[in-house]
Amino acid sequence: MIRYNMQPVSLSSGAVAEVGGRLEMTAVRPLLKGKDYAALAVLLLIAIAVHLWLIHHTAVPARDSLGYARIALNLSDPQAGWQGAERRSRIEVIRTAEQPPGYPLVIWCVEKTLRGVSGGSLAERALQAAQYANGVAAVLCVIPLYLLGRMLFGFWVAAVGTLLFQVLPVPAHVTSDGVSEGLYLLFMSIALAAGVWGVRRPTVGRFLISGGAIGAAYLVRPEGVLLVLPLSLIILGTWRGRPLAYRLGWVAALTVGVAAFGLPYMLLIGKLTNKPTGKHLTNPFDDQLPPIWRGQPLSQGLGRHHGVCLWAEWWNPQQNDQSRRSLWAMQAVGKEMLKSLHYAVALLALLGVACQYRRLQWGEPGTLLLLAVASLYLGLLVYLAMRIGYVSERHTLLVTGLGCLFAATSLPALGRWLSIAPAIRHLVIWPHLMPTGLASMLVVTALPQTLQPLHAHREGHKHAGLWLAGQLHDQDWLVDPFCWAEWYAGRTLYRTTEYRGRPQRTWVVVEEGKVSPHSRLPQWEQAQELARHGQAVYQWPPQADADQPRVVVYRVDDARLVQRILAGGPR
């Protein structure tokens, strides 16, 4: 097979050979060979093993998973829990939901699949479906991330970089939890792989694929649409020798792909996003501070619980009141990136970027695109921290994936330096195996933390909820700042609770013993006050000592006391 090529040809060394206007016949060589398929098979098996282990060793999923699962259950049955006069459609559920529909739709499909094989309650099955949806997407992410590394850096770097991303603790934990990051990363990695393929050998079809993946990522997390900006700039800037009409056509193909998936949702909701933080991020000139900057939790009021991320850097008005927002934001993003890249890999990623100076000097478009994307999203994280007052490890995973690839590129150079370093060169027996040995050390040192069960210290909330499911009456109130017990008790499967009137009995869920502080949780202080006036009726673990972490359920029978505390705060 031959191809008539009238464009620059990317060489494996990173150099670009100008073909000019003459016809060149080049053999079409497949990107993947036999060893690539073997590496992909091994990487997929490792990813499956890691995610299955973590999913089946999860005490309770993250609180954010409750919101996603609730939307999925409303999509499954729009009338369940609905209190309106008219029938509600699935389109109305999507229009009013606070999260984009991509991930809840996948959860709904997975939950339908689990109905015939899972013996748990609906509450358990929905959260299990959220974890499986996230985990399967994270496993599939192996393929585009490997292709991305293979196109730019070769076989070894692609395999090691992809392996690191699957076994580092933060990426493995987040993509095994009940949150949307696995699906988001799958679409973003497809968009990047197709985008790199396109900027190196541009065609309309490749940019359509990249745009379509960006649109799908936007339906999972709204910030995915920002990938259009660096990709468009690379297209327009890299191929300046080509007619402007060609470059504009490629950008148009990218835009059409994005619009095909994302525009219907934008038109349905009439704005970029329904997320509660969206109005603060999309209006930088709004001087009204979000609740966290005022020292308040994200949401307040009885029953109006929204997920609060478990892994994050929070602004503390009492401790940080003398600090500038921008300085705190950069420090917070730096801390989260270090944790997400497991510290040593973060340093190797910076070294890997430095090792690409020749590619950058030559203007290799694929490498430029990755660095532009990483810079853009790091800037977005700093802006998020400045505007909202928190930044989470979850938000760093796209940059973490790219960092793993760059870290892998540094290992051969580091191995060569260690092989000739005067102090240790005599200890190196096989210099050519040094890069593989360094990669193995990174994996081995990460695995013990990676394979730790998720949220093991929160297991009592699930047991408390299942116990409460058999105790609650219709006129009872349940005060649960953590949200898990009320979910497992069946109270918040389709909507959050809003209690009116006077309770028959009130049940309160608190954590006692050596537990982490919960100043960000709505109703945490009220729950503590109610517990002091109530009677302990259940705890998990049953035999926990007074100083051991445990979940305790209290019952309060004084309805007036409950109303007074919940209305006016603790006395």
Protein backbone atom coordinates (compact mmCIF):
# COMPACT_ATOMS: atom_id res chain seq x y z
CA MET A 1 0.00 0.00 0.00
CA ILE A 2 1.29 3.53 -0.77
CA ARG A 3 0.20 6.98 0.34
CA TYR A 4 0.73 10.22 -1.53
CA ASN A 5 1.86 12.65 1.13
CA MET A 6 2.06 16.43 0.70
CA GLN A 7 2.63 17.34 4.34
CA PRO A 8 5.47 17.17 6.88
CA VAL A 9 6.26 13.67 8.10
CA SER A 10 6.92 13.16 11.83
CA LEU A 11 10.03 11.11 12.49
CA SER A 12 10.53 8.88 15.53
CA SER A 13 13.36 11.11 16.76
CA GLY A 14 11.08 14.09 16.90
CA ALA A 15 12.59 15.85 13.87
CA VAL A 16 10.35 17.00 11.06
CA ALA A 17 11.34 16.45 7.42
CA GLU A 18 9.86 19.03 5.06
CA VAL A 19 8.51 17.35 1.96
CA GLY A 20 7.42 20.59 0.35
CA GLY A 21 5.19 20.42 -2.67
CA ARG A 22 6.49 17.23 -4.25
CA LEU A 23 4.78 13.87 -4.09
CA GLU A 24 6.36 11.34 -1.77
CA MET A 25 5.47 7.67 -1.66
CA THR A 26 5.69 6.29 1.87
CA ALA A 27 4.72 2.87 3.09
CA VAL A 28 1.89 2.89 5.59
CA ARG A 29 3.24 1.27 8.72
CA PRO A 30 0.89 0.19 11.47
CA LEU A 31 1.35 1.98 14.78
CA LEU A 32 0.88 -1.17 16.85
CA LYS A 33 2.86 -4.38 16.51
CA GLY A 34 2.71 -7.73 18.23
CA LYS A 35 4.54 -6.57 21.35
CA ASP A 36 2.12 -3.66 21.67
CA TYR A 37 -0.87 -5.97 21.76
CA ALA A 38 0.88 -8.12 24.36
CA ALA A 39 1.66 -5.05 26.48
CA LEU A 40 -1.94 -3.84 26.19
CA ALA A 41 -3.23 -7.24 27.29
CA VAL A 42 -0.97 -7.23 30.36
CA LEU A 43 -1.87 -3.64 31.23
CA LEU A 44 -5.59 -4.37 30.92
CA LEU A 45 -5.27 -7.41 33.18
CA ILE A 46 -3.40 -5.38 35.81
CA ALA A 47 -5.98 -2.60 35.63
CA ILE A 48 -8.85 -5.07 35.98
CA ALA A 49 -7.22 -6.72 38.98
CA VAL A 50 -6.52 -3.42 40.77
CA HIS A 51 -10.01 -2.01 40.22
CA LEU A 52 -11.84 -5.22 41.08
CA TRP A 53 -9.87 -5.49 44.31
CA LEU A 54 -10.66 -1.91 45.30
CA ILE A 55 -14.33 -2.06 44.32
CA HIS A 56 -14.87 -5.22 46.33
CA HIS A 57 -12.95 -3.82 49.30
CA THR A 58 -14.88 -0.56 49.59
CA ALA A 59 -16.64 0.11 52.88
CA VAL A 60 -18.79 2.92 51.46
CA PRO A 61 -18.25 4.96 48.28
CA ALA A 62 -17.49 8.67 48.45
CA ARG A 63 -20.35 10.97 49.38
CA ASP A 64 -20.37 12.47 45.88
CA SER A 65 -21.47 9.09 44.55
CA LEU A 66 -24.84 9.50 46.28
CA GLY A 67 -25.74 12.44 44.07
CA TYR A 68 -24.77 10.63 40.88
CA ALA A 69 -26.66 7.49 41.91
CA ARG A 70 -29.73 9.56 42.82
CA ILE A 71 -29.85 11.09 39.33
CA ALA A 72 -29.44 7.63 37.80
CA LEU A 73 -32.36 6.26 39.84
CA ASN A 74 -34.52 9.21 38.78
CA LEU A 75 -33.62 8.49 35.16
CA SER A 76 -34.62 4.88 35.71
CA ASP A 77 -37.98 5.88 37.23
CA PRO A 78 -38.76 9.61 36.86
CA GLN A 79 -41.99 9.30 38.90
CA ALA A 80 -40.46 7.70 42.00
CA GLY A 81 -40.22 10.28 44.75
CA TRP A 82 -41.69 12.94 42.47
CA GLN A 83 -44.16 15.25 44.22
CA GLY A 84 -45.25 17.42 41.30
CA ALA A 85 -48.76 17.48 39.87
CA GLU A 86 -47.71 16.54 36.34
CA ARG A 87 -45.76 13.50 35.21
CA ARG A 88 -42.03 14.06 34.97
CA SER A 89 -40.02 12.96 31.93
CA ARG A 90 -36.40 11.85 31.76
CA ILE A 91 -35.58 15.01 29.82
CA GLU A 92 -36.87 17.03 32.77
CA VAL A 93 -34.68 15.00 35.13
CA ILE A 94 -31.64 15.83 32.99
CA ARG A 95 -32.61 19.50 32.70
CA THR A 96 -32.93 20.02 36.47
CA ALA A 97 -30.10 17.77 37.71
CA GLU A 98 -27.10 19.50 39.25
CA GLN A 99 -24.69 17.19 37.41
CA PRO A 100 -24.22 16.56 33.66
CA PRO A 101 -26.06 13.47 32.41
CA GLY A 102 -23.16 11.41 31.05
CA TYR A 103 -22.10 9.54 34.16
CA PRO A 104 -25.63 9.06 35.63
CA LEU A 105 -26.76 7.58 32.31
CA VAL A 106 -23.95 5.02 32.44
CA ILE A 107 -24.77 4.23 36.08
CA TRP A 108 -28.40 3.63 35.08
CA CYS A 109 -27.32 1.16 32.37
CA VAL A 110 -24.96 -0.67 34.74
CA GLU A 111 -27.60 -0.80 37.48
CA LYS A 112 -30.05 -2.41 35.06
CA THR A 113 -27.41 -5.02 34.25
CA LEU A 114 -26.81 -5.75 37.95
CA ARG A 115 -30.49 -6.29 38.76
CA GLY A 116 -30.36 -9.95 37.82
CA VAL A 117 -27.07 -10.77 39.54
CA SER A 118 -26.92 -8.56 42.66
CA GLY A 119 -28.70 -9.67 45.81
CA GLY A 120 -28.35 -6.37 47.68
CA SER A 121 -30.89 -3.64 48.21
CA LEU A 122 -31.54 -0.93 45.65
CA ALA A 123 -29.41 1.50 47.68
CA GLU A 124 -26.45 -0.90 47.63
CA ARG A 125 -26.91 -1.85 43.99
CA ALA A 126 -27.03 1.76 42.78
CA LEU A 127 -23.75 2.64 44.50
CA GLN A 128 -22.15 -0.58 43.28
CA ALA A 129 -23.23 0.36 39.75
CA ALA A 130 -21.57 3.77 40.18
CA GLN A 131 -18.30 2.09 41.14
CA TYR A 132 -18.44 -0.40 38.28
CA ALA A 133 -19.22 2.35 35.76
CA ASN A 134 -16.22 4.33 36.98
CA GLY A 135 -13.91 1.32 37.19
CA VAL A 136 -14.72 -0.12 33.76
CA ALA A 137 -14.12 3.27 32.15
CA ALA A 138 -10.79 3.56 33.98
CA VAL A 139 -9.74 0.13 32.70
CA LEU A 140 -10.65 1.10 29.14
CA CYS A 141 -8.60 4.27 29.59
CA VAL A 142 -5.54 2.02 29.27
CA ILE A 143 -5.98 1.87 25.49
CA PRO A 144 -6.04 5.58 24.52
CA LEU A 145 -3.41 6.51 27.13
CA TYR A 146 -1.11 3.80 25.77
CA LEU A 147 -1.72 4.97 22.20
CA LEU A 148 -0.96 8.54 23.22
CA GLY A 149 2.37 7.53 24.74
CA ARG A 150 3.15 5.17 21.86
CA MET A 151 2.70 7.86 19.22
CA LEU A 152 4.88 10.38 21.02
CA PHE A 153 7.47 8.47 23.02
CA GLY A 154 7.59 4.87 21.90
CA PHE A 155 6.76 1.43 23.26
CA TRP A 156 8.60 1.44 26.60
CA VAL A 157 7.43 4.85 27.75
CA ALA A 158 3.82 4.11 26.73
CA ALA A 159 3.79 0.86 28.71
CA VAL A 160 5.46 2.28 31.85
CA GLY A 161 3.48 5.55 31.84
CA THR A 162 0.17 3.72 31.48
CA LEU A 163 1.14 1.23 34.19
CA LEU A 164 2.06 4.02 36.62
CA PHE A 165 -1.30 5.72 36.15
CA GLN A 166 -3.15 2.48 36.90
CA VAL A 167 -1.22 1.59 40.06
CA LEU A 168 -0.57 4.93 41.77
CA PRO A 169 -2.79 5.24 44.87
CA VAL A 170 -4.78 8.39 44.08
CA PRO A 171 -5.69 7.57 40.44
CA ALA A 172 -6.52 3.97 41.36
CA HIS A 173 -8.68 4.96 44.35
CA VAL A 174 -10.55 7.78 42.63
CA THR A 175 -11.30 5.72 39.51
CA SER A 176 -12.55 2.82 41.67
CA ASP A 177 -14.88 4.99 43.72
CA GLY A 178 -18.41 6.06 42.84
CA VAL A 179 -17.38 9.30 41.14
CA SER A 180 -17.20 10.36 37.50
CA GLU A 181 -13.44 10.65 36.96
CA GLY A 182 -12.95 7.29 35.21
CA LEU A 183 -15.48 8.07 32.48
CA TYR A 184 -14.24 11.64 32.16
CA LEU A 185 -10.63 10.48 31.75
CA LEU A 186 -11.65 7.88 29.18
CA PHE A 187 -13.21 10.51 26.92
CA MET A 188 -10.43 13.03 27.53
CA SER A 189 -7.70 10.50 26.75
CA ILE A 190 -9.51 9.53 23.54
CA ALA A 191 -9.74 13.21 22.63
CA LEU A 192 -6.03 13.73 23.33
CA ALA A 193 -4.94 10.61 21.44
CA ALA A 194 -7.02 11.56 18.40
CA GLY A 195 -5.88 15.19 18.76
CA VAL A 196 -2.19 14.25 18.81
CA TRP A 197 -2.77 11.96 15.83
CA GLY A 198 -4.46 14.85 14.07
CA VAL A 199 -1.93 17.59 14.78
CA ARG A 200 0.87 15.33 13.55
CA ARG A 201 -0.97 14.14 10.41
CA PRO A 202 -4.09 16.30 10.13
CA THR A 203 -7.30 15.01 8.60
CA VAL A 204 -10.90 16.07 9.07
CA GLY A 205 -11.87 12.64 10.41
CA ARG A 206 -9.29 12.67 13.19
CA PHE A 207 -10.41 16.06 14.43
CA LEU A 208 -14.03 14.97 14.26
CA ILE A 209 -13.17 12.03 16.53
CA SER A 210 -11.28 14.32 18.92
CA GLY A 211 -14.14 16.82 18.98
CA GLY A 212 -16.72 14.12 19.58
CA ALA A 213 -14.72 12.80 22.54
CA ILE A 214 -14.42 16.33 23.94
CA GLY A 215 -18.19 16.73 23.67
CA ALA A 216 -18.71 13.42 25.46
CA ALA A 217 -16.26 14.50 28.20
CA TYR A 218 -18.27 17.71 28.62
CA LEU A 219 -21.35 15.59 29.31
CA VAL A 220 -19.44 14.07 32.24
CA ARG A 221 -17.59 17.12 33.57
CA PRO A 222 -18.13 20.58 32.05
CA GLU A 223 -14.45 21.56 32.12
CA GLY A 224 -13.79 18.95 29.45
CA VAL A 225 -14.90 21.44 26.77
CA LEU A 226 -11.84 23.59 27.50
CA LEU A 227 -9.66 21.09 25.63
CA VAL A 228 -10.89 22.75 22.43
CA LEU A 229 -8.77 25.83 23.17
CA PRO A 230 -5.22 24.37 23.20
CA LEU A 231 -6.03 21.94 20.41
CA SER A 232 -7.32 24.73 18.17
CA LEU A 233 -4.27 26.90 18.90
CA ILE A 234 -1.89 24.04 18.07
CA ILE A 235 -3.74 23.39 14.80
CA LEU A 236 -3.57 27.04 13.76
CA GLY A 237 -0.01 27.60 14.93
CA THR A 238 1.76 24.41 13.90
CA TRP A 239 0.64 24.24 10.29
CA ARG A 240 1.25 27.83 9.29
CA GLY A 241 2.68 26.69 5.98
CA ARG A 242 -0.66 25.24 4.93
CA PRO A 243 -3.46 27.41 3.52
CA LEU A 244 -5.60 29.11 6.14
CA ALA A 245 -8.69 27.44 4.70
CA TYR A 246 -7.24 24.03 5.54
CA ARG A 247 -6.49 24.99 9.14
CA LEU A 248 -9.87 26.61 9.65
CA GLY A 249 -11.48 23.49 8.20
CA TRP A 250 -9.73 21.30 10.75
CA VAL A 251 -10.81 23.60 13.58
CA ALA A 252 -14.34 23.53 12.17
CA ALA A 253 -14.29 19.71 12.18
CA LEU A 254 -13.18 19.79 15.82
CA THR A 255 -15.99 22.22 16.68
CA VAL A 256 -18.61 20.16 14.87
CA GLY A 257 -17.58 17.07 16.85
CA VAL A 258 -17.91 18.96 20.13
CA ALA A 259 -21.27 20.46 19.18
CA ALA A 260 -22.72 17.12 18.09
CA PHE A 261 -22.52 15.83 21.66
CA GLY A 262 -22.44 18.91 23.86
CA LEU A 263 -24.72 21.46 22.18
CA PRO A 264 -28.05 19.66 22.82
CA TYR A 265 -27.36 19.61 26.57
CA MET A 266 -26.30 23.28 26.59
CA LEU A 267 -29.51 24.24 24.80
CA LEU A 268 -31.58 22.10 27.17
CA ILE A 269 -30.28 23.78 30.33
CA GLY A 270 -29.74 27.20 28.73
CA LYS A 271 -26.18 27.64 30.10
CA LEU A 272 -22.83 25.93 30.34
CA THR A 273 -23.49 23.92 33.51
CA ASN A 274 -25.99 23.31 36.31
CA LYS A 275 -23.27 22.54 38.86
CA PRO A 276 -23.62 24.66 42.04
CA THR A 277 -20.08 26.00 41.70
CA GLY A 278 -20.62 26.91 38.06
CA LYS A 279 -21.92 30.42 38.68
CA HIS A 280 -18.80 31.29 40.70
CA LEU A 281 -16.40 29.91 38.10
CA THR A 282 -18.10 31.27 34.97
CA ASN A 283 -18.45 34.81 36.35
CA PRO A 284 -15.00 35.97 37.51
CA PHE A 285 -16.29 39.52 38.12
CA ASP A 286 -18.84 38.40 40.69
CA ASP A 287 -17.67 39.81 44.03
CA GLN A 288 -20.01 37.63 46.07
CA LEU A 289 -17.79 35.11 47.83
CA PRO A 290 -18.71 31.41 47.80
CA PRO A 291 -19.69 29.94 51.20
CA ILE A 292 -16.26 28.42 51.91
CA TRP A 293 -14.51 31.79 51.71
CA ARG A 294 -16.99 33.04 54.33
CA GLY A 295 -16.18 30.10 56.60
CA GLN A 296 -19.43 28.26 55.86
CA PRO A 297 -20.07 24.77 54.44
CA LEU A 298 -21.06 24.24 50.84
CA SER A 299 -24.72 23.78 51.69
CA GLN A 300 -26.88 24.43 54.69
CA GLY A 301 -30.37 23.59 55.85
CA LEU A 302 -32.15 20.45 56.95
CA GLY A 303 -32.01 17.66 54.43
CA ARG A 304 -30.30 19.70 51.72
CA HIS A 305 -27.13 17.62 51.67
CA HIS A 306 -24.80 17.71 48.73
CA GLY A 307 -21.70 15.57 48.37
CA VAL A 308 -18.56 16.89 50.01
CA CYS A 309 -15.33 15.61 48.54
CA LEU A 310 -13.24 13.50 50.87
CA TRP A 311 -9.85 14.30 49.35
CA ALA A 312 -9.27 18.04 49.20
CA GLU A 313 -7.41 21.09 50.40
CA TRP A 314 -9.85 23.47 52.10
CA TRP A 315 -9.55 27.15 52.79
CA ASN A 316 -9.77 27.75 56.54
CA PRO A 317 -10.77 31.37 57.31
CA GLN A 318 -9.41 31.12 60.85
CA GLN A 319 -5.99 29.82 59.78
CA ASN A 320 -5.59 31.44 56.35
CA ASP A 321 -7.14 34.84 56.91
CA GLN A 322 -3.77 36.60 56.53
CA SER A 323 -2.85 34.77 53.34
CA ARG A 324 -3.53 35.94 49.85
CA ARG A 325 -5.98 33.83 47.92
CA SER A 326 -3.65 33.32 44.98
CA LEU A 327 -0.76 32.16 47.17
CA TRP A 328 -2.96 29.72 49.08
CA ALA A 329 -4.49 28.46 45.82
CA MET A 330 -1.11 27.70 44.24
CA GLN A 331 0.06 25.95 47.40
CA ALA A 332 -3.13 23.89 47.55
CA VAL A 333 -2.85 22.80 43.91
CA GLY A 334 0.81 21.94 44.42
CA LYS A 335 0.01 19.74 47.43
CA GLU A 336 -2.77 17.92 45.59
CA MET A 337 -0.57 17.34 42.54
CA LEU A 338 2.24 15.96 44.71
CA LYS A 339 -0.16 13.53 46.39
CA SER A 340 -1.82 12.53 43.15
CA LEU A 341 1.54 11.78 41.49
CA HIS A 342 2.78 10.02 44.64
CA TYR A 343 5.60 12.52 45.25
CA ALA A 344 8.53 10.78 43.50
CA VAL A 345 6.62 10.50 40.22
CA ALA A 346 5.91 14.25 40.38
CA LEU A 347 9.63 15.00 40.47
CA LEU A 348 10.26 12.55 37.65
CA ALA A 349 7.50 14.21 35.60
CA LEU A 350 9.26 17.58 35.87
CA LEU A 351 12.53 15.90 34.86
CA GLY A 352 10.72 14.27 31.94
CA VAL A 353 9.47 17.64 30.70
CA ALA A 354 13.04 18.96 30.84
CA CYS A 355 14.19 15.94 28.83
CA GLN A 356 11.86 16.98 25.99
CA TYR A 357 13.65 20.26 25.30
CA ARG A 358 14.76 19.14 21.83
CA ARG A 359 11.24 18.18 20.84
CA LEU A 360 10.02 21.52 22.08
CA GLN A 361 12.83 23.30 20.27
CA TRP A 362 11.81 21.57 17.04
CA GLY A 363 8.17 22.43 17.69
CA GLU A 364 6.90 18.83 17.77
CA PRO A 365 3.12 19.45 17.86
CA GLY A 366 2.10 16.42 19.93
CA THR A 367 4.43 17.25 22.81
CA LEU A 368 3.44 20.91 22.63
CA LEU A 369 -0.20 19.89 22.86
CA LEU A 370 0.32 17.80 26.01
CA LEU A 371 2.21 20.59 27.75
CA ALA A 372 -0.38 23.15 26.69
CA VAL A 373 -3.20 20.97 28.05
CA ALA A 374 -1.36 20.38 31.34
CA SER A 375 -0.68 24.12 31.73
CA LEU A 376 -4.29 25.04 30.96
CA TYR A 377 -5.78 22.61 33.45
CA LEU A 378 -3.27 23.48 36.17
CA GLY A 379 -4.27 27.11 35.69
CA LEU A 380 -7.91 26.08 35.93
CA LEU A 381 -7.21 24.29 39.22
CA VAL A 382 -5.60 27.41 40.67
CA TYR A 383 -8.60 29.46 39.53
CA LEU A 384 -10.96 26.91 41.06
CA ALA A 385 -9.12 27.11 44.37
CA MET A 386 -9.16 30.91 44.31
CA ARG A 387 -12.85 31.19 43.51
CA ILE A 388 -14.36 28.28 45.44
CA GLY A 389 -11.96 27.76 48.33
CA TYR A 390 -11.05 24.13 47.79
CA VAL A 391 -9.30 21.87 45.33
CA SER A 392 -9.45 18.08 45.29
CA GLU A 393 -7.20 15.25 44.19
CA ARG A 394 -10.06 14.25 41.91
CA HIS A 395 -9.56 17.40 39.87
CA THR A 396 -5.88 16.65 39.18
CA LEU A 397 -6.22 13.30 37.43
CA LEU A 398 -5.98 14.53 33.83
CA VAL A 399 -2.68 16.26 34.57
CA THR A 400 -1.64 13.20 36.59
CA GLY A 401 -2.13 10.95 33.57
CA LEU A 402 0.03 13.21 31.41
CA GLY A 403 2.56 13.47 34.25
CA CYS A 404 2.91 9.68 34.35
CA LEU A 405 3.87 9.66 30.67
CA PHE A 406 6.46 12.40 31.14
CA ALA A 407 7.79 10.65 34.25
CA ALA A 408 8.32 7.49 32.20
CA THR A 409 10.34 9.48 29.63
CA SER A 410 12.75 10.54 32.38
CA LEU A 411 13.61 7.02 33.54
CA PRO A 412 15.99 6.09 30.66
CA ALA A 413 17.94 9.33 31.16
CA LEU A 414 18.01 8.84 34.92
CA GLY A 415 19.11 5.23 34.47
CA ARG A 416 22.00 6.30 32.22
CA TRP A 417 23.11 8.92 34.75
CA LEU A 418 23.01 6.44 37.64
CA SER A 419 25.04 3.97 35.57
CA ILE A 420 27.91 6.45 35.23
CA ALA A 421 27.61 8.31 38.55
CA PRO A 422 30.95 7.93 40.40
CA ALA A 423 29.40 7.05 43.76
CA ILE A 424 27.13 4.23 42.64
CA ARG A 425 28.18 3.08 39.17
CA HIS A 426 30.05 0.13 40.62
CA LEU A 427 26.76 -1.13 42.10
CA VAL A 428 25.04 -1.23 38.71
CA ILE A 429 25.31 -4.73 37.25
CA TRP A 430 23.12 -4.39 34.16
CA PRO A 431 22.99 -0.74 33.08
CA HIS A 432 20.51 -1.41 30.30
CA LEU A 433 17.99 -2.67 32.89
CA MET A 434 18.21 0.43 35.10
CA PRO A 435 15.10 2.16 33.64
CA THR A 436 13.03 -0.99 34.11
CA GLY A 437 14.37 -1.41 37.64
CA LEU A 438 13.46 2.18 38.52
CA ALA A 439 9.96 1.71 37.11
CA SER A 440 9.56 -1.50 39.11
CA MET A 441 10.58 0.31 42.29
CA LEU A 442 7.91 2.97 41.70
CA VAL A 443 5.25 0.32 41.21
CA VAL A 444 6.28 -1.84 44.17
CA THR A 445 6.43 1.11 46.57
CA ALA A 446 3.00 2.36 45.43
CA LEU A 447 1.06 -0.91 45.57
CA PRO A 448 0.78 -1.29 49.39
CA GLN A 449 -1.02 2.04 49.65
CA THR A 450 -2.94 1.48 46.42
CA LEU A 451 -4.48 -1.78 47.62
CA GLN A 452 -5.74 -0.39 50.92
CA PRO A 453 -9.55 -0.68 51.21
CA LEU A 454 -11.49 2.45 50.34
CA HIS A 455 -13.00 4.42 53.25
CA ALA A 456 -12.62 1.53 55.69
CA HIS A 457 -13.12 3.86 58.66
CA ARG A 458 -16.58 4.81 57.31
CA GLU A 459 -18.01 1.29 57.22
CA GLY A 460 -20.20 1.92 60.26
CA HIS A 461 -22.39 4.32 58.28
CA LYS A 462 -23.54 1.54 55.99
CA HIS A 463 -24.40 -0.76 58.92
CA ALA A 464 -26.19 2.08 60.70
CA GLY A 465 -28.26 2.79 57.60
CA LEU A 466 -29.24 -0.82 57.08
CA TRP A 467 -30.22 -1.03 60.78
CA LEU A 468 -32.24 2.18 60.55
CA ALA A 469 -34.12 0.85 57.52
CA GLY A 470 -35.95 -1.51 59.88
CA GLN A 471 -36.56 1.13 62.59
CA LEU A 472 -37.76 4.23 60.75
CA HIS A 473 -41.43 5.16 60.57
CA ASP A 474 -42.95 7.62 58.12
CA GLN A 475 -43.23 10.38 60.74
CA ASP A 476 -39.66 9.96 62.00
CA TRP A 477 -36.89 12.41 61.21
CA LEU A 478 -33.32 11.36 60.44
CA VAL A 479 -30.48 13.82 60.99
CA ASP A 480 -27.43 12.46 59.18
CA PRO A 481 -24.72 15.01 58.35
CA PHE A 482 -22.73 12.30 56.56
CA CYS A 483 -25.57 11.28 54.20
CA TRP A 484 -24.59 7.58 53.99
CA ALA A 485 -26.92 6.16 56.65
CA GLU A 486 -29.97 7.97 55.30
CA TRP A 487 -29.12 6.64 51.83
CA TYR A 488 -28.80 3.02 52.96
CA ALA A 489 -31.97 3.45 55.02
CA GLY A 490 -33.81 4.33 51.78
CA ARG A 491 -34.66 7.90 52.72
CA THR A 492 -32.76 9.76 49.99
CA LEU A 493 -32.70 7.40 47.01
CA TYR A 494 -34.75 9.69 44.76
CA ARG A 495 -34.62 13.08 46.48
CA THR A 496 -33.12 14.74 49.52
CA THR A 497 -35.37 14.93 52.56
CA GLU A 498 -37.14 18.07 53.72
CA TYR A 499 -38.93 17.54 57.02
CA ARG A 500 -41.92 19.67 58.01
CA GLY A 501 -44.22 19.67 61.01
CA ARG A 502 -43.20 17.82 64.15
CA PRO A 503 -41.31 14.49 64.29
CA GLN A 504 -42.62 11.41 66.07
CA ARG A 505 -39.02 10.40 66.83
CA THR A 506 -35.69 11.76 65.63
CA TRP A 507 -32.68 9.60 64.86
CA VAL A 508 -29.21 11.14 64.78
CA VAL A 509 -26.06 9.66 63.24
CA VAL A 510 -22.68 10.84 64.55
CA GLU A 511 -19.08 9.65 64.65
CA GLU A 512 -17.34 9.34 68.00
CA GLY A 513 -13.88 8.43 69.21
CA LYS A 514 -10.75 9.45 67.34
CA VAL A 515 -12.31 10.71 64.13
CA SER A 516 -11.45 13.45 61.67
CA PRO A 517 -13.07 16.88 62.16
CA HIS A 518 -16.20 17.61 60.15
CA SER A 519 -16.50 21.39 60.20
CA ARG A 520 -17.53 21.39 56.51
CA LEU A 521 -20.56 19.16 56.99
CA PRO A 522 -23.99 20.78 57.11
CA GLN A 523 -25.75 20.10 60.43
CA TRP A 524 -22.65 18.64 62.08
CA GLU A 525 -22.93 20.94 65.10
CA GLN A 526 -26.71 20.39 65.34
CA ALA A 527 -26.22 16.61 65.20
CA GLN A 528 -23.69 16.77 68.03
CA GLU A 529 -26.07 18.86 70.14
CA LEU A 530 -28.98 16.49 69.48
CA ALA A 531 -26.81 13.51 70.41
CA ARG A 532 -26.11 15.06 73.80
CA HIS A 533 -29.86 15.11 74.48
CA GLY A 534 -30.56 11.66 73.03
CA GLN A 535 -30.18 8.00 73.91
CA ALA A 536 -27.60 5.82 72.14
CA VAL A 537 -29.41 2.90 70.51
CA TYR A 538 -26.89 1.50 68.03
CA GLN A 539 -23.16 1.63 67.31
CA TRP A 540 -20.71 0.08 64.88
CA PRO A 541 -18.41 -1.66 65.62
CA PRO A 542 -20.50 -3.12 68.45
CA GLN A 543 -17.54 -3.73 70.80
CA ALA A 544 -15.62 -0.49 70.10
CA ASP A 545 -13.97 1.16 73.10
CA ALA A 546 -14.62 4.76 74.06
CA ASP A 547 -11.51 6.06 72.27
CA GLN A 548 -11.95 3.96 69.11
CA PRO A 549 -13.62 5.38 65.97
CA ARG A 550 -17.25 4.30 65.77
CA VAL A 551 -20.59 5.33 64.29
CA VAL A 552 -23.35 5.83 66.86
CA VAL A 553 -27.09 6.27 66.31
CA TYR A 554 -29.01 8.28 68.91
CA ARG A 555 -32.76 8.55 69.36
CA VAL A 556 -34.31 11.82 70.54
CA ASP A 557 -37.97 11.77 71.60
CA ASP A 558 -38.41 15.47 72.50
CA ALA A 559 -39.90 16.90 69.30
CA ARG A 560 -39.81 20.52 70.45
CA LEU A 561 -36.15 20.27 71.40
CA VAL A 562 -35.37 18.85 67.97
CA GLN A 563 -37.21 21.65 66.19
CA ARG A 564 -35.52 24.33 68.29
CA ILE A 565 -31.99 22.97 67.73
CA LEU A 566 -32.44 22.43 64.00
CA ALA A 567 -34.03 25.85 63.52
CA GLY A 568 -31.61 27.91 65.57
CA GLY A 569 -28.42 25.89 65.81
CA PRO A 570 -26.90 24.30 68.91
CA ARG A 571 -27.73 25.70 72.36
